Amino acid sequence: MLPEKFKAITDPFNAIDLAEMDSVALMNRIDTKYAIHEDTFLEILPNLSAYYDILEVGGLKYSAYESLYFDSPRFEFFSDHHKKKNDRLKIRIRKYVNNNLSFLEVKRKRKGRTEKTRLKTEQWGTKFSPEEMTFLESSYEDAKLLDSTISNSFSRITLVHKEKTERLTFDLNIEFQDSSETKSLTNLVICELKQGATNRSSIFYQMTKKRLIRPLRVSKYCVGMMNFYSTLELKQNRFKKKTRSLNKIIC
């Protein structure tokens, strides 16, 4: 559930529905991520209503998401991200709570671009159907070895540029869960500018530059894994600088 302080500032935005957003699905795109404090988000968002529309689903100008992540027994996907591998995968089930839809998703990061494919699913776990297994094996041949790791939940505000092929998302109220514990990233907002090609004339890019907010490559999956797995289990040394940056923002 989105706190009232966030709901009020979405009122000035013109609302669009899912069908109107189809033209900017951007399943193959360039992502630029930022991490900001909630207070900064509250200052920035009202200034965007002249340039972006807001996605509204079921009368709500935010969407509740839940994700279940998968990895190999040796945490190959996390390790590839840690090593900054140029061709890496992320596999998850994402539930769009507002409209009760779930998709098995494969995200491939390759040469700076994000490619996403997905398949509708009705399950939450590793009991993949034959169709789902075929879908996974087309991207990852050892899909039968996949196991669930962590899950998360968050609220997302999605903006769609009125003229350009560009989307902007803000993830708030981010929580991670394993089988026994929940951890929250208090005060953190993860922003993602999604474009078909890098365009630094984007109003959001210009706003963040003016505020000296620099892009930060941050993966919610990796942040969650670092919170639940000790340094003995996962190498995290290359993420230390990034972790310090996030801690400064949250404080």
Protein backbone atom coordinates (compact mmCIF):
# COMPACT_ATOMS: atom_id res chain seq x y z
CA MET A 1 0.00 0.00 0.00
CA LEU A 2 1.30 3.43 -0.95
CA PRO A 3 1.44 6.01 1.87
CA GLU A 4 -0.85 9.04 1.53
CA LYS A 5 2.10 11.42 1.11
CA PHE A 6 2.90 9.72 -2.20
CA LYS A 7 -0.68 9.42 -3.43
CA ALA A 8 -1.39 13.15 -3.16
CA ILE A 9 1.47 14.25 -5.42
CA THR A 10 0.26 12.03 -8.28
CA ASP A 11 -3.02 13.98 -8.59
CA PRO A 12 -1.74 16.58 -11.14
CA PHE A 13 -0.75 13.87 -13.64
CA ASN A 14 -2.94 12.94 -16.58
CA ALA A 15 -3.79 9.24 -16.28
CA ILE A 16 -3.45 6.64 -19.04
CA ASP A 17 -4.31 2.95 -19.05
CA LEU A 18 -2.32 -0.16 -19.97
CA ALA A 19 -3.55 -0.17 -23.56
CA GLU A 20 -2.29 3.39 -24.06
CA MET A 21 1.12 2.38 -22.71
CA ASP A 22 1.56 -0.46 -25.24
CA SER A 23 3.38 1.80 -27.69
CA VAL A 24 6.18 2.31 -25.16
CA ALA A 25 6.53 -1.27 -23.89
CA LEU A 26 10.32 -1.02 -24.48
CA MET A 27 11.06 -4.74 -24.10
CA ASN A 28 14.44 -3.99 -25.70
CA ARG A 29 15.86 -0.83 -24.22
CA ILE A 30 18.53 1.20 -22.49
CA ASP A 31 18.04 1.49 -18.72
CA THR A 32 19.51 4.26 -16.60
CA LYS A 33 19.02 3.74 -12.87
CA TYR A 34 19.19 6.14 -9.95
CA ALA A 35 18.79 5.77 -6.19
CA ILE A 36 17.36 8.70 -4.26
CA HIS A 37 15.92 9.48 -0.84
CA GLU A 38 12.13 9.68 -0.46
CA ASP A 39 12.38 13.40 0.32
CA THR A 40 14.14 14.04 -3.01
CA PHE A 41 11.46 12.01 -4.80
CA LEU A 42 8.72 14.13 -3.20
CA GLU A 43 10.47 17.27 -4.49
CA ILE A 44 11.08 16.01 -8.04
CA LEU A 45 7.83 14.26 -8.95
CA PRO A 46 5.50 17.32 -9.08
CA ASN A 47 7.84 18.93 -11.63
CA LEU A 48 7.31 16.08 -14.08
CA SER A 49 3.54 16.33 -14.61
CA ALA A 50 3.92 18.69 -17.60
CA TYR A 51 6.07 16.14 -19.47
CA TYR A 52 4.72 12.72 -18.45
CA ASP A 53 1.41 10.92 -18.06
CA ILE A 54 0.91 8.42 -15.25
CA LEU A 55 -0.20 4.81 -15.56
CA GLU A 56 -3.46 4.10 -13.74
CA VAL A 57 -4.69 0.54 -13.17
CA GLY A 58 -7.94 -0.21 -11.37
CA GLY A 59 -8.31 3.41 -10.33
CA LEU A 60 -4.85 3.45 -8.70
CA LYS A 61 -1.93 5.59 -9.88
CA TYR A 62 0.57 3.13 -8.48
CA SER A 63 1.05 -0.60 -8.90
CA ALA A 64 1.87 -3.17 -6.24
CA TYR A 65 4.48 -5.67 -7.42
CA GLU A 66 5.81 -8.91 -6.00
CA SER A 67 8.82 -10.76 -7.42
CA LEU A 68 10.29 -14.20 -6.80
CA TYR A 69 13.88 -14.59 -8.01
CA PHE A 70 15.69 -17.70 -9.19
CA ASP A 71 19.36 -18.58 -9.40
CA SER A 72 21.62 -21.56 -9.93
CA PRO A 73 22.99 -23.59 -6.97
CA ARG A 74 26.21 -21.54 -7.22
CA PHE A 75 24.37 -18.21 -7.52
CA GLU A 76 25.58 -17.78 -11.08
CA PHE A 77 23.31 -14.82 -11.88
CA PHE A 78 24.39 -12.87 -8.81
CA SER A 79 28.04 -13.69 -9.50
CA ASP A 80 27.80 -12.57 -13.14
CA HIS A 81 26.37 -9.25 -12.01
CA HIS A 82 29.10 -8.89 -9.38
CA LYS A 83 31.76 -9.55 -12.03
CA LYS A 84 30.07 -7.03 -14.35
CA LYS A 85 29.74 -9.70 -17.00
CA ASN A 86 28.70 -8.15 -20.29
CA ASP A 87 26.08 -10.82 -21.00
CA ARG A 88 24.08 -11.82 -17.92
CA LEU A 89 20.63 -13.05 -16.93
CA LYS A 90 18.01 -12.43 -14.33
CA ILE A 91 15.10 -14.86 -13.97
CA ARG A 92 12.03 -14.19 -11.85
CA ILE A 93 8.29 -14.49 -11.53
CA ARG A 94 6.70 -11.08 -11.25
CA LYS A 95 3.18 -10.62 -9.95
CA TYR A 96 1.28 -7.49 -10.90
CA VAL A 97 -0.98 -7.35 -7.85
CA ASN A 98 -3.38 -4.66 -9.10
CA ASN A 99 -4.67 -6.83 -11.94
CA ASN A 100 -3.70 -10.22 -10.48
CA LEU A 101 -1.41 -11.23 -13.34
CA SER A 102 1.90 -13.09 -13.04
CA PHE A 103 4.64 -13.59 -15.61
CA LEU A 104 7.73 -15.76 -15.71
CA GLU A 105 10.35 -13.29 -16.93
CA VAL A 106 13.86 -13.55 -18.32
CA LYS A 107 15.89 -10.33 -18.45
CA ARG A 108 19.13 -10.39 -20.38
CA LYS A 109 21.63 -7.58 -20.03
CA ARG A 110 23.83 -7.58 -23.11
CA LYS A 111 26.21 -4.85 -24.27
CA GLY A 112 24.40 -2.24 -22.22
CA ARG A 113 20.91 -3.10 -23.46
CA THR A 114 18.15 -4.83 -21.53
CA GLU A 115 16.11 -7.48 -23.36
CA LYS A 116 13.05 -8.86 -21.60
CA THR A 117 10.91 -11.84 -22.57
CA ARG A 118 8.06 -13.22 -20.52
CA LEU A 119 5.43 -15.91 -20.31
CA LYS A 120 2.18 -15.76 -18.39
CA THR A 121 2.17 -18.08 -15.38
CA GLU A 122 -0.18 -19.02 -12.55
CA GLN A 123 2.39 -20.53 -10.19
CA TRP A 124 4.83 -19.15 -7.63
CA GLY A 125 7.84 -21.44 -7.30
CA THR A 126 9.91 -23.90 -9.28
CA LYS A 127 7.14 -26.24 -10.43
CA PHE A 128 7.61 -25.12 -14.01
CA SER A 129 5.28 -26.53 -16.63
CA PRO A 130 6.75 -28.11 -19.79
CA GLU A 131 5.96 -24.89 -21.66
CA GLU A 132 7.67 -22.80 -18.98
CA MET A 133 10.71 -25.06 -18.94
CA THR A 134 11.05 -24.80 -22.72
CA PHE A 135 10.78 -21.03 -22.40
CA LEU A 136 13.53 -20.92 -19.75
CA GLU A 137 15.85 -23.34 -21.54
CA SER A 138 15.80 -21.14 -24.64
CA SER A 139 17.77 -18.62 -22.56
CA TYR A 140 19.43 -20.80 -19.93
CA GLU A 141 20.16 -24.43 -20.77
CA ASP A 142 20.50 -25.51 -17.12
CA ALA A 143 17.04 -24.25 -16.20
CA LYS A 144 16.21 -27.54 -14.44
CA LEU A 145 18.75 -26.62 -11.75
CA LEU A 146 17.15 -23.29 -10.90
CA ASP A 147 15.97 -22.70 -7.36
CA SER A 148 14.17 -19.79 -5.73
CA THR A 149 16.33 -17.46 -3.64
CA ILE A 150 14.50 -14.40 -2.30
CA SER A 151 11.32 -12.48 -3.00
CA ASN A 152 10.52 -8.82 -2.79
CA SER A 153 7.58 -6.45 -2.85
CA PHE A 154 7.34 -2.79 -3.72
CA SER A 155 5.03 -0.08 -5.02
CA ARG A 156 5.76 1.38 -8.44
CA ILE A 157 4.74 4.68 -10.00
CA THR A 158 5.08 4.54 -13.80
CA LEU A 159 5.32 7.67 -15.93
CA VAL A 160 5.08 7.71 -19.73
CA HIS A 161 6.48 10.63 -21.70
CA LYS A 162 3.81 12.58 -23.58
CA GLU A 163 5.88 12.79 -26.79
CA LYS A 164 8.98 10.61 -26.62
CA THR A 165 9.36 6.84 -26.47
CA GLU A 166 10.37 6.94 -22.85
CA ARG A 167 9.15 5.58 -19.52
CA LEU A 168 10.17 6.46 -16.00
CA THR A 169 9.51 4.27 -12.98
CA PHE A 170 9.86 4.91 -9.26
CA ASP A 171 9.99 1.95 -6.87
CA LEU A 172 9.07 2.68 -3.25
CA ASN A 173 8.37 0.72 -0.05
CA ILE A 174 10.90 -1.91 -1.09
CA GLU A 175 10.92 -5.02 1.09
CA PHE A 176 12.79 -8.32 0.75
CA GLN A 177 11.71 -11.66 2.15
CA ASP A 178 13.20 -15.09 2.59
CA SER A 179 11.53 -18.06 4.28
CA SER A 180 11.71 -16.53 7.76
CA GLU A 181 12.47 -12.80 7.65
CA THR A 182 11.53 -9.50 6.04
CA LYS A 183 13.90 -6.56 5.56
CA SER A 184 12.89 -3.08 4.42
CA LEU A 185 14.89 -0.45 2.53
CA THR A 186 13.49 2.53 4.42
CA ASN A 187 13.58 5.91 2.64
CA LEU A 188 15.02 4.48 -0.58
CA VAL A 189 13.46 5.13 -4.00
CA ILE A 190 14.92 3.38 -7.04
CA CYS A 191 14.30 5.26 -10.30
CA GLU A 192 14.68 3.81 -13.76
CA LEU A 193 14.72 5.79 -16.98
CA LYS A 194 13.82 3.47 -19.87
CA GLN A 195 14.60 4.56 -23.42
CA GLY A 196 14.91 2.97 -26.83
CA ALA A 197 18.25 4.77 -27.18
CA THR A 198 20.18 6.95 -24.75
CA ASN A 199 18.86 10.50 -24.89
CA ARG A 200 20.45 12.88 -22.41
CA SER A 201 18.01 15.63 -23.34
CA SER A 202 15.40 13.78 -21.26
CA ILE A 203 13.86 16.17 -18.76
CA PHE A 204 14.45 13.69 -15.95
CA TYR A 205 18.09 13.31 -16.91
CA GLN A 206 18.47 17.08 -16.87
CA MET A 207 16.73 17.41 -13.51
CA THR A 208 18.97 14.83 -11.85
CA LYS A 209 22.09 16.34 -13.41
CA LYS A 210 21.15 19.75 -12.03
CA ARG A 211 20.78 18.22 -8.56
CA LEU A 212 24.11 16.38 -8.93
CA ILE A 213 22.31 13.02 -8.76
CA ARG A 214 24.37 10.58 -10.75
CA PRO A 215 23.19 7.29 -12.26
CA LEU A 216 23.80 4.28 -10.03
CA ARG A 217 23.65 0.77 -11.42
CA VAL A 218 21.61 -0.90 -8.72
CA SER A 219 19.87 -4.27 -8.93
CA LYS A 220 17.10 -4.95 -6.43
CA TYR A 221 17.95 -8.65 -6.68
CA CYS A 222 21.60 -8.09 -5.77
CA VAL A 223 20.73 -5.69 -2.95
CA GLY A 224 18.34 -8.26 -1.51
CA MET A 225 20.84 -11.09 -1.80
CA MET A 226 23.48 -9.05 0.04
CA ASN A 227 21.02 -8.48 2.86
CA PHE A 228 20.29 -12.18 3.36
CA TYR A 229 23.51 -13.98 2.53
CA SER A 230 26.74 -13.57 4.45
CA THR A 231 29.99 -12.52 2.78
CA LEU A 232 31.20 -16.10 3.24
CA GLU A 233 28.52 -17.32 0.84
CA LEU A 234 28.62 -14.57 -1.76
CA LYS A 235 31.45 -12.40 -2.97
CA GLN A 236 30.44 -8.79 -2.43
CA ASN A 237 33.70 -6.83 -2.45
CA ARG A 238 32.95 -5.09 -5.76
CA PHE A 239 29.61 -3.94 -4.36
CA LYS A 240 31.08 -2.25 -1.27
CA LYS A 241 31.25 1.21 -2.84
CA LYS A 242 27.71 0.84 -4.10
CA THR A 243 26.51 -0.33 -0.68
CA ARG A 244 28.09 2.72 0.95
CA SER A 245 26.33 4.96 -1.57
CA LEU A 246 22.96 3.38 -0.79
CA ASN A 247 23.52 3.66 2.95
CA LYS A 248 24.28 7.37 2.60
CA ILE A 249 21.02 7.86 0.71
CA ILE A 250 18.91 5.90 3.18
CA CYS A 251 20.27 7.66 6.29
